[in-house]
């Protein structure tokens, strides 16, 4: 999908949110295990920031990572919490990005529960070999890592989120040295990404990084707050 096509779709889209009232945080875990302490810390930081900005924040119920079951669980919570205004969804995983993309298509097709838009999802949070293999990046995209799928598949998913649905993309990079790679990839794919948050996963051990994360989140979501 070319940048010109992306721009046209975004310009024509009625799905891009002007105001968000409620935000649903979707855990990016494939099972029912308790998140690691640093991941839990990041969720707490995000929740605290969003509540301070006046959002109604809730979490999706834990459960099976099977796509259909997860969609049903998310829709159930959306049905309970959506009303006037728009529901945004925040997550922390590329795998969950695919899940939320499927959820959004499903909800739009069935016109269920008043799901109006997704606000922000994170296509990548950890850049490690298993994660890279899962998204299908190759050596010329992420040095030293190979995956069985093509970078075009990554481009297609991000293109759907950013272009077809007008979803702002917030990227959370685990370490500073990953930021340049993310920028290179997303720019090459014609994605108009909004924010790169460095060192999100180090917030528990490094108070300075935690403060930076808080500031980035505030700046990113301020536009959509009441």
Foldseek 3Di string as FASTA:
>chain_A
DDLVLLVVLLVPAPLAFQAAAEEEEEEPDQADDDDDPLVVVLVVLLVVLCVVLRHHYYYFDDDHNPLVVSLVSVLVVLLVPDDPGAYAYEYAELSVLVSVLVSVVVCVVVVPSPHRAYAEYANHEDDDQVRCQVCADDCVLPNPHGHPHHVVSVLVSLSCRCRNNVYAYEYEYQAPVCPVSVVVSCVVSSHPHDYYQHNSSCCVVDVVSSVSNSVRSNVSCSSRGD
